[in-house]
N, C-alpha and C. Protein backbone atom coordinates (compact mmCIF):
# COMPACT_ATOMS: atom_id res chain seq x y z
N MET A 1 0.83 -1.18 0.00
CA MET A 1 0.00 0.00 0.00
C MET A 1 0.88 1.25 0.00
N ALA A 2 0.38 2.26 -0.65
CA ALA A 2 1.08 3.53 -0.70
C ALA A 2 0.46 4.49 0.31
N ILE A 3 1.29 5.25 0.98
CA ILE A 3 0.79 6.25 1.93
C ILE A 3 0.48 7.52 1.14
N VAL A 4 -0.75 8.01 1.28
CA VAL A 4 -1.16 9.23 0.56
C VAL A 4 -1.82 10.20 1.53
N ASP A 5 -1.86 11.45 1.10
CA ASP A 5 -2.56 12.49 1.83
C ASP A 5 -4.05 12.22 1.69
N PHE A 6 -4.75 11.97 2.78
CA PHE A 6 -6.15 11.59 2.72
C PHE A 6 -7.07 12.76 2.40
N ARG A 7 -6.52 13.95 2.22
CA ARG A 7 -7.33 15.08 1.76
C ARG A 7 -7.55 15.00 0.25
N LYS A 8 -6.82 14.10 -0.41
CA LYS A 8 -6.97 13.95 -1.85
C LYS A 8 -8.35 13.40 -2.19
N SER A 9 -8.93 13.95 -3.25
CA SER A 9 -10.21 13.45 -3.74
C SER A 9 -9.94 12.24 -4.64
N ILE A 10 -11.00 11.70 -5.20
CA ILE A 10 -10.85 10.57 -6.11
C ILE A 10 -9.98 10.96 -7.30
N ASN A 11 -10.13 12.20 -7.78
CA ASN A 11 -9.30 12.67 -8.89
C ASN A 11 -7.83 12.73 -8.50
N GLY A 12 -7.54 13.12 -7.26
CA GLY A 12 -6.17 13.15 -6.77
C GLY A 12 -5.55 11.77 -6.70
N LEU A 13 -6.36 10.78 -6.32
CA LEU A 13 -5.86 9.40 -6.28
C LEU A 13 -5.59 8.88 -7.69
N ILE A 14 -6.41 9.26 -8.64
CA ILE A 14 -6.17 8.87 -10.03
C ILE A 14 -4.84 9.44 -10.51
N VAL A 15 -4.54 10.67 -10.14
CA VAL A 15 -3.25 11.29 -10.51
C VAL A 15 -2.10 10.51 -9.89
N VAL A 16 -2.23 10.09 -8.64
CA VAL A 16 -1.18 9.30 -7.98
C VAL A 16 -0.94 8.01 -8.76
N VAL A 17 -2.00 7.32 -9.13
CA VAL A 17 -1.87 6.06 -9.87
C VAL A 17 -1.20 6.30 -11.22
N GLU A 18 -1.68 7.29 -11.95
CA GLU A 18 -1.18 7.49 -13.31
C GLU A 18 0.20 8.13 -13.37
N GLN A 19 0.49 9.10 -12.50
CA GLN A 19 1.78 9.79 -12.59
C GLN A 19 2.85 9.17 -11.71
N ASN A 20 2.54 8.89 -10.46
CA ASN A 20 3.55 8.37 -9.54
C ASN A 20 3.83 6.89 -9.76
N MET A 21 2.78 6.12 -10.10
CA MET A 21 2.94 4.68 -10.29
C MET A 21 3.07 4.29 -11.76
N SER A 22 2.85 5.25 -12.66
CA SER A 22 2.91 5.01 -14.11
C SER A 22 2.00 3.86 -14.54
N LEU A 23 0.79 3.84 -13.98
CA LEU A 23 -0.19 2.80 -14.32
C LEU A 23 -1.45 3.44 -14.87
N ASN A 24 -2.22 2.65 -15.59
CA ASN A 24 -3.51 3.09 -16.09
C ASN A 24 -4.53 2.92 -14.98
N SER A 25 -5.16 4.00 -14.56
CA SER A 25 -6.10 3.92 -13.43
C SER A 25 -7.43 3.27 -13.80
N PHE A 26 -7.66 3.01 -15.09
CA PHE A 26 -8.92 2.42 -15.51
C PHE A 26 -8.77 0.96 -15.92
N ARG A 27 -7.69 0.33 -15.57
CA ARG A 27 -7.54 -1.09 -15.88
C ARG A 27 -8.24 -1.92 -14.81
N ASP A 28 -8.31 -3.21 -15.04
CA ASP A 28 -8.97 -4.12 -14.08
C ASP A 28 -8.05 -4.36 -12.89
N ALA A 29 -8.16 -3.49 -11.90
CA ALA A 29 -7.31 -3.60 -10.72
C ALA A 29 -7.93 -2.82 -9.57
N LEU A 30 -7.50 -3.14 -8.36
CA LEU A 30 -7.85 -2.36 -7.18
C LEU A 30 -6.60 -1.61 -6.75
N PHE A 31 -6.76 -0.35 -6.42
CA PHE A 31 -5.65 0.45 -5.91
C PHE A 31 -5.98 0.82 -4.48
N VAL A 32 -5.14 0.40 -3.55
CA VAL A 32 -5.40 0.59 -2.12
C VAL A 32 -4.39 1.58 -1.56
N PHE A 33 -4.89 2.61 -0.88
CA PHE A 33 -4.05 3.65 -0.28
C PHE A 33 -4.32 3.69 1.21
N CYS A 34 -3.29 4.02 1.98
CA CYS A 34 -3.48 4.16 3.43
C CYS A 34 -2.90 5.50 3.88
N ASN A 35 -3.37 5.94 5.05
CA ASN A 35 -2.84 7.18 5.61
C ASN A 35 -1.54 6.89 6.34
N LYS A 36 -0.90 7.93 6.83
CA LYS A 36 0.41 7.78 7.48
C LYS A 36 0.35 6.87 8.71
N LYS A 37 -0.73 6.97 9.49
CA LYS A 37 -0.88 6.12 10.67
C LYS A 37 -1.26 4.69 10.33
N ARG A 38 -1.65 4.49 9.08
CA ARG A 38 -2.09 3.18 8.60
C ARG A 38 -3.31 2.65 9.37
N ASP A 39 -4.19 3.59 9.73
CA ASP A 39 -5.41 3.16 10.41
C ASP A 39 -6.66 3.41 9.55
N LYS A 40 -6.44 3.94 8.33
CA LYS A 40 -7.53 4.17 7.39
C LYS A 40 -7.06 3.81 5.99
N VAL A 41 -7.99 3.35 5.17
CA VAL A 41 -7.65 3.04 3.78
C VAL A 41 -8.68 3.67 2.86
N LYS A 42 -8.24 3.92 1.63
CA LYS A 42 -9.10 4.33 0.53
C LYS A 42 -8.82 3.37 -0.60
N ILE A 43 -9.89 2.93 -1.25
CA ILE A 43 -9.74 1.96 -2.34
C ILE A 43 -10.31 2.56 -3.62
N LEU A 44 -9.49 2.56 -4.65
CA LEU A 44 -9.91 3.02 -5.98
C LEU A 44 -10.21 1.77 -6.80
N CYS A 45 -11.47 1.62 -7.17
CA CYS A 45 -11.91 0.44 -7.90
C CYS A 45 -12.63 0.91 -9.16
N PRO A 46 -11.94 0.97 -10.28
CA PRO A 46 -12.57 1.43 -11.52
C PRO A 46 -13.68 0.48 -11.95
N LEU A 47 -14.81 1.05 -12.36
CA LEU A 47 -15.92 0.25 -12.85
C LEU A 47 -15.95 0.35 -14.37
N PRO A 48 -16.33 -0.74 -15.04
CA PRO A 48 -16.39 -0.69 -16.51
C PRO A 48 -17.50 0.26 -16.97
N VAL A 49 -17.22 0.94 -18.06
CA VAL A 49 -18.19 1.85 -18.65
C VAL A 49 -18.83 1.15 -19.83
N ASN A 50 -20.15 1.10 -19.85
CA ASN A 50 -20.85 0.42 -20.96
C ASN A 50 -21.22 1.39 -22.04
């Protein structure tokens, strides 16, 4: 898990995935982020668009 600033919105997490991790944020994957204390998580789960 990557430690991120939890003030980031969903758009901020997408930027972390695409720029910092060099990954496509819309692929079939779960992206899990935790805060510095590691007592909270945020999960980015892209849904398919029909």
